[in-house]
Structures are given as C-alpha cells and as structure tokens.
C-alpha atoms as a PDB file:
ATOM      1  CA  MET A   1    -123.656  43.927-125.143  1.00  0.00           C
ATOM      2  CA  VAL A   2    -126.249  45.808-123.265  1.00  0.00           C
ATOM      3  CA  ILE A   3    -126.931  45.368-119.758  1.00  0.00           C
ATOM      4  CA  ASP A   4    -130.395  45.707-118.960  1.00  0.00           C
ATOM      5  CA  ASN A   5    -132.327  46.001-115.316  1.00  0.00           C
ATOM      6  CA  LEU A   6    -129.385  47.777-113.826  1.00  0.00           C
ATOM      7  CA  SER A   7    -128.989  51.141-112.248  1.00  0.00           C
ATOM      8  CA  ILE A   8    -125.865  52.730-111.223  1.00  0.00           C
ATOM      9  CA  VAL A   9    -125.620  55.947-108.688  1.00  0.00           C
ATOM     10  CA  LEU A  10    -122.600  57.791-108.719  1.00  0.00           C
ATOM     11  CA  LEU A  11    -122.077  60.252-106.010  1.00  0.00           C
ATOM     12  CA  ASN A  12    -120.397  63.826-107.357  1.00  0.00           C
ATOM     13  CA  TYR A  13    -118.722  66.493-105.304  1.00  0.00           C
ATOM     14  CA  ASN A  14    -117.038  69.315-106.784  1.00  0.00           C
ATOM     15  CA  ASN A  15    -115.289  67.223-109.570  1.00  0.00           C
ATOM     16  CA  PHE A  16    -117.211  67.030-112.702  1.00  0.00           C
ATOM     17  CA  GLU A  17    -114.314  65.483-114.644  1.00  0.00           C
ATOM     18  CA  GLU A  18    -114.018  62.474-113.016  1.00  0.00           C
ATOM     19  CA  THR A  19    -117.861  62.200-112.593  1.00  0.00           C
ATOM     20  CA  ILE A  20    -118.665  62.361-116.711  1.00  0.00           C
ATOM     21  CA  GLY A  21    -115.373  60.196-117.383  1.00  0.00           C
ATOM     22  CA  CYS A  22    -116.826  57.843-115.275  1.00  0.00           C
ATOM     23  CA  ILE A  23    -120.491  57.667-117.126  1.00  0.00           C
ATOM     24  CA  ARG A  24    -118.582  57.643-120.550  1.00  0.00           C
ATOM     25  CA  ARG A  25    -116.594  54.425-119.331  1.00  0.00           C
ATOM     26  CA  LEU A  26    -119.868  52.788-118.100  1.00  0.00           C
ATOM     27  CA  MET A  27    -121.246  53.694-121.339  1.00  0.00           C
ATOM     28  CA  ALA A  28    -118.193  51.904-123.398  1.00  0.00           C
ATOM     29  CA  ILE A  29    -119.116  48.685-121.493  1.00  0.00           C
ATOM     30  CA  GLY A  30    -122.841  48.746-122.765  1.00  0.00           C
ATOM     31  CA  VAL A  31    -124.775  50.810-119.732  1.00  0.00           C
ATOM     32  CA  ASP A  32    -127.363  52.916-120.899  1.00  0.00           C
ATOM     33  CA  ASP A  33    -127.084  56.517-120.085  1.00  0.00           C
ATOM     34  CA  LYS A  34    -130.804  56.144-118.624  1.00  0.00           C
ATOM     35  CA  SER A  35    -129.455  53.461-116.126  1.00  0.00           C
ATOM     36  CA  ILE A  36    -127.261  55.723-114.153  1.00  0.00           C
ATOM     37  CA  ILE A  37    -128.393  58.065-111.387  1.00  0.00           C
ATOM     38  CA  VAL A  38    -126.017  60.704-110.377  1.00  0.00           C
ATOM     39  CA  VAL A  39    -126.296  62.757-107.066  1.00  0.00           C
ATOM     40  CA  ASP A  40    -124.661  65.675-106.772  1.00  0.00           C
ATOM     41  CA  ASN A  41    -123.455  66.148-103.332  1.00  0.00           C
ATOM     42  CA  HIS A  42    -123.954  69.762-102.766  1.00  0.00           C
ATOM     43  CA  SER A  43    -121.033  70.867-104.984  1.00  0.00           C
ATOM     44  CA  THR A  44    -119.931  74.441-103.927  1.00  0.00           C
ATOM     45  CA  ASP A  45    -117.986  74.436-107.961  1.00  0.00           C
ATOM     46  CA  ASN A  46    -119.731  74.551-111.178  1.00  0.00           C
ATOM     47  CA  SER A  47    -119.653  70.767-111.477  1.00  0.00           C
ATOM     48  CA  ALA A  48    -123.242  70.487-110.894  1.00  0.00           C
ATOM     49  CA  ILE A  49    -124.968  72.811-113.095  1.00  0.00           C
ATOM     50  CA  ARG A  50    -122.335  71.358-116.030  1.00  0.00           C
ATOM     51  CA  LEU A  51    -123.482  67.786-115.232  1.00  0.00           C
ATOM     52  CA  LYS A  52    -126.912  68.750-115.801  1.00  0.00           C
ATOM     53  CA  GLU A  53    -126.184  70.774-118.936  1.00  0.00           C
ATOM     54  CA  SER A  54    -124.436  67.691-120.663  1.00  0.00           C
ATOM     55  CA  LYS A  55    -125.657  65.696-123.637  1.00  0.00           C
ATOM     56  CA  TYR A  56    -126.482  62.570-121.554  1.00  0.00           C
ATOM     57  CA  SER A  57    -129.505  61.276-120.265  1.00  0.00           C
ATOM     58  CA  PHE A  58    -128.858  60.260-116.699  1.00  0.00           C
ATOM     59  CA  GLU A  59    -130.955  61.260-113.638  1.00  0.00           C
ATOM     60  CA  PHE A  60    -129.936  63.756-111.691  1.00  0.00           C
ATOM     61  CA  ILE A  61    -130.502  64.377-108.053  1.00  0.00           C
ATOM     62  CA  GLN A  62    -129.254  67.578-106.358  1.00  0.00           C
ATOM     63  CA  SER A  63    -128.739  66.972-102.646  1.00  0.00           C
ATOM     64  CA  GLY A  64    -128.984  70.010-100.637  1.00  0.00           C
ATOM     65  CA  TYR A  65    -126.600  68.734 -97.964  1.00  0.00           C
ATOM     66  CA  ASN A  66    -122.996  67.260 -98.103  1.00  0.00           C
ATOM     67  CA  GLY A  67    -123.142  64.137 -95.408  1.00  0.00           C
ATOM     68  CA  GLY A  68    -120.565  62.030 -97.688  1.00  0.00           C
ATOM     69  CA  TYR A  69    -121.075  58.571 -98.915  1.00  0.00           C
ATOM     70  CA  ALA A  70    -122.908  57.141 -95.670  1.00  0.00           C
ATOM     71  CA  TRP A  71    -125.159  59.887 -94.674  1.00  0.00           C
ATOM     72  CA  ALA A  72    -128.827  58.757 -94.562  1.00  0.00           C
END
C-alpha cells in the first residue's frame, strides 16, 4: 500500500541510528522517502552529516538552534 498526500516531520538530535531506523520503518509501511522531512535540531555529533549523506531522498532542514520540540 502506498500512502499519498502525507508529510512526516522527524526531529533529530544526536541520534542518527534512531532517525534512520524510523525512516526505514516508515518506508516499510509504504511512506515514500520524499514525503519525509528531517529537521536536525543543531546536533553536536556527526548525525546531521550522516543523514545528509544517506541514500534516501527525504527533505533535510538544519536548524541553527536547539530549542526542543516546542520551540517556534
């Protein structure tokens, strides 16, 4: 089953393995990687670089500030 008209936003902070695992699980249930938006919340490890260099086609946004989930 392919899910259309859906966007999913994932927040990453210093956790490449969990974020990429979530992307893989979403794709396994039919979510197109182009429907996934990953926001890196100013990671201090190399997870942002690893996500940008991954083989998937999700949209990647690099935040310049870590304000947590509720920061606007």
